[in-house]
């Protein structure tokens, strides 16, 4: 096949191992506990450092996982079973 036809074929091909449903959800990142042995200012500074060093990287990882979920391949048999179950529940 010439390269233009291959590109066109890839554009119309539907990969059934990739789920097409929308995956909306959320993830919770627990807040650092307040340390009563430190002052409010020290706790605030520790919260800022915790956000910079732990919370922001975790939030970036969650965002990447969420955006790449549509491109993750699944077992074709499991996808077929899910579609079949959904079709049977419609009737």
N, C-alpha and C. Protein backbone atom coordinates (compact mmCIF):
# COMPACT_ATOMS: atom_id res chain seq x y z
N UNK A 1 0.83 -1.17 0.00
CA UNK A 1 0.00 0.00 0.00
C UNK A 1 0.89 1.25 0.00
N UNK A 2 0.53 2.24 -0.74
CA UNK A 2 1.26 3.50 -0.67
C UNK A 2 1.05 4.16 0.70
N UNK A 3 1.95 5.05 1.05
CA UNK A 3 1.91 5.63 2.40
C UNK A 3 0.63 6.45 2.64
N UNK A 4 0.11 7.14 1.64
CA UNK A 4 -1.12 7.92 1.82
C UNK A 4 -2.29 7.00 2.12
N UNK A 5 -2.37 5.86 1.46
CA UNK A 5 -3.45 4.93 1.70
C UNK A 5 -3.30 4.28 3.08
N UNK A 6 -2.08 4.02 3.51
CA UNK A 6 -1.86 3.46 4.85
C UNK A 6 -2.32 4.44 5.92
N UNK A 7 -2.02 5.73 5.72
CA UNK A 7 -2.45 6.73 6.69
C UNK A 7 -3.97 6.79 6.73
N UNK A 8 -4.60 6.77 5.58
CA UNK A 8 -6.07 6.80 5.52
C UNK A 8 -6.66 5.56 6.19
N UNK A 9 -6.05 4.41 5.99
CA UNK A 9 -6.52 3.18 6.62
C UNK A 9 -6.41 3.28 8.13
N UNK A 10 -5.31 3.84 8.62
CA UNK A 10 -5.14 3.98 10.07
C UNK A 10 -6.14 4.97 10.65
N UNK A 11 -6.55 5.98 9.87
CA UNK A 11 -7.51 6.95 10.37
C UNK A 11 -8.90 6.33 10.54
N UNK A 12 -9.29 5.41 9.67
CA UNK A 12 -10.63 4.84 9.75
C UNK A 12 -10.68 3.58 10.61
N UNK A 13 -9.52 3.03 10.97
CA UNK A 13 -9.48 1.82 11.78
C UNK A 13 -9.90 2.13 13.20
N UNK A 14 -10.78 1.33 13.76
CA UNK A 14 -11.22 1.50 15.14
C UNK A 14 -10.65 0.36 15.97
N UNK A 15 -9.90 0.72 16.99
CA UNK A 15 -9.28 -0.27 17.85
C UNK A 15 -10.26 -0.61 18.98
N UNK A 16 -10.79 -1.82 18.97
CA UNK A 16 -11.79 -2.21 19.95
C UNK A 16 -11.18 -2.58 21.30
N UNK A 17 -9.86 -2.64 21.39
CA UNK A 17 -9.24 -2.92 22.68
C UNK A 17 -9.07 -1.65 23.51
N UNK A 18 -9.40 -0.49 22.94
CA UNK A 18 -9.36 0.77 23.68
C UNK A 18 -10.80 1.14 24.00
N UNK A 19 -11.10 1.27 25.29
CA UNK A 19 -12.46 1.61 25.69
C UNK A 19 -12.79 3.02 25.27
N UNK A 20 -14.00 3.23 24.75
CA UNK A 20 -14.40 4.53 24.23
C UNK A 20 -15.23 5.34 25.20
N UNK A 21 -15.46 4.84 26.40
CA UNK A 21 -16.29 5.57 27.34
C UNK A 21 -15.48 6.68 28.01
N UNK A 22 -16.19 7.67 28.51
CA UNK A 22 -15.56 8.80 29.16
C UNK A 22 -15.28 8.44 30.61
N UNK A 23 -14.06 8.65 31.06
CA UNK A 23 -13.66 8.29 32.42
C UNK A 23 -13.53 9.56 33.25
N UNK A 24 -14.64 10.01 33.80
CA UNK A 24 -14.61 11.18 34.66
C UNK A 24 -14.49 10.70 36.10
N UNK A 25 -13.71 11.37 36.85
CA UNK A 25 -13.55 11.00 38.24
C UNK A 25 -12.64 11.99 38.94
N UNK A 26 -12.28 11.66 40.14
CA UNK A 26 -11.40 12.53 40.88
C UNK A 26 -10.54 11.69 41.81
N UNK A 27 -9.45 12.25 42.23
CA UNK A 27 -8.58 11.60 43.19
C UNK A 27 -8.32 12.54 44.35
N UNK A 28 -8.25 12.02 45.52
CA UNK A 28 -8.01 12.83 46.71
C UNK A 28 -6.58 12.63 47.18
N UNK A 29 -5.93 13.74 47.47
CA UNK A 29 -4.58 13.70 48.03
C UNK A 29 -4.71 14.20 49.47
N UNK A 30 -4.39 13.36 50.44
CA UNK A 30 -4.58 13.76 51.84
C UNK A 30 -3.65 14.92 52.23
N UNK A 31 -4.19 15.81 53.05
CA UNK A 31 -3.43 16.96 53.52
C UNK A 31 -2.51 16.53 54.66
N UNK A 32 -1.42 17.23 54.78
CA UNK A 32 -0.49 16.99 55.88
C UNK A 32 -1.18 17.35 57.20
N UNK A 33 -0.94 16.55 58.21
CA UNK A 33 -1.57 16.81 59.51
C UNK A 33 -0.92 18.01 60.19
N UNK A 34 -1.74 18.74 60.93
CA UNK A 34 -1.26 19.88 61.69
C UNK A 34 -0.39 19.38 62.83
N UNK A 35 0.80 19.97 62.97
CA UNK A 35 1.72 19.58 64.04
C UNK A 35 1.58 20.57 65.19
N UNK A 36 1.03 20.13 66.35
CA UNK A 36 0.82 21.08 67.46
C UNK A 36 2.12 21.54 68.11
N UNK A 37 3.23 20.86 67.84
CA UNK A 37 4.51 21.26 68.42
C UNK A 37 5.16 22.42 67.65
N UNK A 38 4.58 22.77 66.50
CA UNK A 38 5.11 23.86 65.70
C UNK A 38 4.14 25.03 65.75
N UNK A 39 4.64 26.22 65.45
CA UNK A 39 3.76 27.40 65.42
C UNK A 39 2.94 27.39 64.14
N UNK A 40 1.96 28.33 64.06
CA UNK A 40 1.12 28.42 62.87
C UNK A 40 1.95 28.78 61.64
N UNK A 41 2.92 29.65 61.83
CA UNK A 41 3.76 30.06 60.70
C UNK A 41 4.62 28.88 60.23
N UNK A 42 5.16 28.12 61.15
CA UNK A 42 5.97 26.94 60.78
C UNK A 42 5.10 25.88 60.11
N UNK A 43 3.86 25.70 60.60
CA UNK A 43 2.94 24.77 59.96
C UNK A 43 2.59 25.23 58.56
N UNK A 44 2.38 26.55 58.40
CA UNK A 44 2.07 27.09 57.08
C UNK A 44 3.23 26.87 56.12
N UNK A 45 4.46 27.12 56.60
CA UNK A 45 5.64 26.90 55.76
C UNK A 45 5.79 25.41 55.42
N UNK A 46 5.49 24.54 56.38
CA UNK A 46 5.57 23.09 56.13
C UNK A 46 4.49 22.68 55.12
N UNK A 47 3.30 23.30 55.19
CA UNK A 47 2.25 23.02 54.22
C UNK A 47 2.68 23.43 52.81
N UNK A 48 3.31 24.59 52.69
CA UNK A 48 3.79 25.05 51.38
C UNK A 48 4.86 24.10 50.82
N UNK A 49 5.77 23.67 51.67
CA UNK A 49 6.81 22.74 51.22
C UNK A 49 6.20 21.39 50.84
N UNK A 50 5.21 20.95 51.62
CA UNK A 50 4.52 19.70 51.32
C UNK A 50 3.80 19.79 49.97
N UNK A 51 3.17 20.94 49.72
CA UNK A 51 2.50 21.13 48.43
C UNK A 51 3.51 21.08 47.29
N UNK A 52 4.62 21.77 47.46
CA UNK A 52 5.62 21.82 46.39
C UNK A 52 6.27 20.45 46.16
N UNK A 53 6.59 19.75 47.23
CA UNK A 53 7.36 18.50 47.11
C UNK A 53 6.51 17.24 46.93
N UNK A 54 5.25 17.25 47.40
CA UNK A 54 4.46 16.03 47.35
C UNK A 54 3.16 16.19 46.57
N UNK A 55 2.38 17.22 46.88
CA UNK A 55 1.04 17.34 46.31
C UNK A 55 1.09 17.67 44.83
N UNK A 56 1.89 18.66 44.44
CA UNK A 56 1.94 19.06 43.03
C UNK A 56 2.44 17.93 42.14
N UNK A 57 3.53 17.20 42.48
CA UNK A 57 3.92 16.07 41.63
C UNK A 57 2.86 14.97 41.55
N UNK A 58 2.18 14.70 42.66
CA UNK A 58 1.11 13.69 42.64
C UNK A 58 -0.04 14.14 41.75
N UNK A 59 -0.39 15.43 41.81
CA UNK A 59 -1.48 15.95 40.97
C UNK A 59 -1.08 15.89 39.50
N UNK A 60 0.18 16.17 39.18
CA UNK A 60 0.64 16.07 37.79
C UNK A 60 0.57 14.62 37.31
N UNK A 61 0.95 13.68 38.16
CA UNK A 61 0.89 12.27 37.78
C UNK A 61 -0.55 11.83 37.55
N UNK A 62 -1.47 12.27 38.41
CA UNK A 62 -2.88 11.93 38.23
C UNK A 62 -3.43 12.52 36.93
N UNK A 63 -3.03 13.73 36.61
CA UNK A 63 -3.49 14.36 35.37
C UNK A 63 -2.96 13.61 34.15
N UNK A 64 -1.71 13.16 34.22
CA UNK A 64 -1.14 12.40 33.10
C UNK A 64 -1.84 11.05 32.94
N UNK A 65 -2.11 10.39 34.05
CA UNK A 65 -2.80 9.11 33.99
C UNK A 65 -4.19 9.29 33.39
N UNK A 66 -4.88 10.36 33.81
CA UNK A 66 -6.23 10.62 33.31
C UNK A 66 -6.22 10.92 31.82
N UNK A 67 -5.25 11.72 31.36
CA UNK A 67 -5.24 12.08 29.94
C UNK A 67 -4.80 10.92 29.06
N UNK A 68 -4.01 10.00 29.58
CA UNK A 68 -3.54 8.86 28.78
C UNK A 68 -4.45 7.65 28.87
N UNK A 69 -5.50 7.72 29.69
CA UNK A 69 -6.38 6.56 29.89
C UNK A 69 -7.06 6.14 28.59
N UNK A 70 -7.36 7.10 27.72
CA UNK A 70 -8.04 6.75 26.47
C UNK A 70 -7.14 5.96 25.52
N UNK A 71 -5.85 5.98 25.73
CA UNK A 71 -4.92 5.29 24.83
C UNK A 71 -4.42 3.97 25.40
N UNK A 72 -4.88 3.59 26.59
CA UNK A 72 -4.45 2.34 27.19
C UNK A 72 -5.24 1.18 26.59
N UNK A 73 -4.53 0.16 26.17
CA UNK A 73 -5.18 -1.00 25.57
C UNK A 73 -5.66 -1.95 26.67
N UNK A 74 -6.77 -2.60 26.38
CA UNK A 74 -7.35 -3.58 27.31
C UNK A 74 -7.50 -4.91 26.57
N UNK A 75 -7.73 -5.95 27.33
CA UNK A 75 -7.93 -7.27 26.76
C UNK A 75 -9.20 -7.26 25.91
N UNK A 76 -9.10 -7.70 24.66
CA UNK A 76 -10.23 -7.65 23.73
C UNK A 76 -11.41 -8.48 24.23
N UNK A 77 -11.14 -9.60 24.90
CA UNK A 77 -12.22 -10.44 25.42
C UNK A 77 -12.99 -9.71 26.54
N UNK A 78 -12.27 -8.99 27.39
CA UNK A 78 -12.94 -8.24 28.47
C UNK A 78 -13.77 -7.10 27.88
N UNK A 79 -13.24 -6.43 26.86
CA UNK A 79 -13.99 -5.35 26.22
C UNK A 79 -15.25 -5.92 25.58
N UNK A 80 -15.13 -7.06 24.91
CA UNK A 80 -16.29 -7.67 24.26
C UNK A 80 -17.33 -8.08 25.30
N UNK A 81 -16.89 -8.63 26.43
CA UNK A 81 -17.83 -9.02 27.48
C UNK A 81 -18.55 -7.79 28.04
N UNK A 82 -17.83 -6.69 28.23
CA UNK A 82 -18.44 -5.46 28.75
C UNK A 82 -19.47 -4.92 27.77
N UNK A 83 -19.13 -4.93 26.48
CA UNK A 83 -20.07 -4.44 25.46
C UNK A 83 -21.29 -5.34 25.40
N UNK A 84 -21.06 -6.66 25.46
CA UNK A 84 -22.16 -7.61 25.39
C UNK A 84 -23.08 -7.45 26.60
N UNK A 85 -22.52 -7.28 27.79
CA UNK A 85 -23.33 -7.08 29.00
C UNK A 85 -24.13 -5.79 28.89
N UNK A 86 -23.52 -4.75 28.36
CA UNK A 86 -24.21 -3.47 28.21
C UNK A 86 -25.36 -3.59 27.22
N UNK A 87 -25.15 -4.31 26.14
CA UNK A 87 -26.21 -4.49 25.16
C UNK A 87 -27.35 -5.34 25.71
N UNK A 88 -27.04 -6.32 26.52
CA UNK A 88 -28.08 -7.16 27.11
C UNK A 88 -28.89 -6.39 28.15
N UNK A 89 -28.27 -5.42 28.82
CA UNK A 89 -28.97 -4.64 29.85
C UNK A 89 -29.87 -3.57 29.22
N UNK A 90 -29.67 -3.24 27.96
CA UNK A 90 -30.49 -2.22 27.30
C UNK A 90 -31.89 -2.75 27.06
N UNK A 91 -32.02 -4.00 26.72
CA UNK A 91 -33.33 -4.57 26.37
C UNK A 91 -34.23 -4.70 27.56
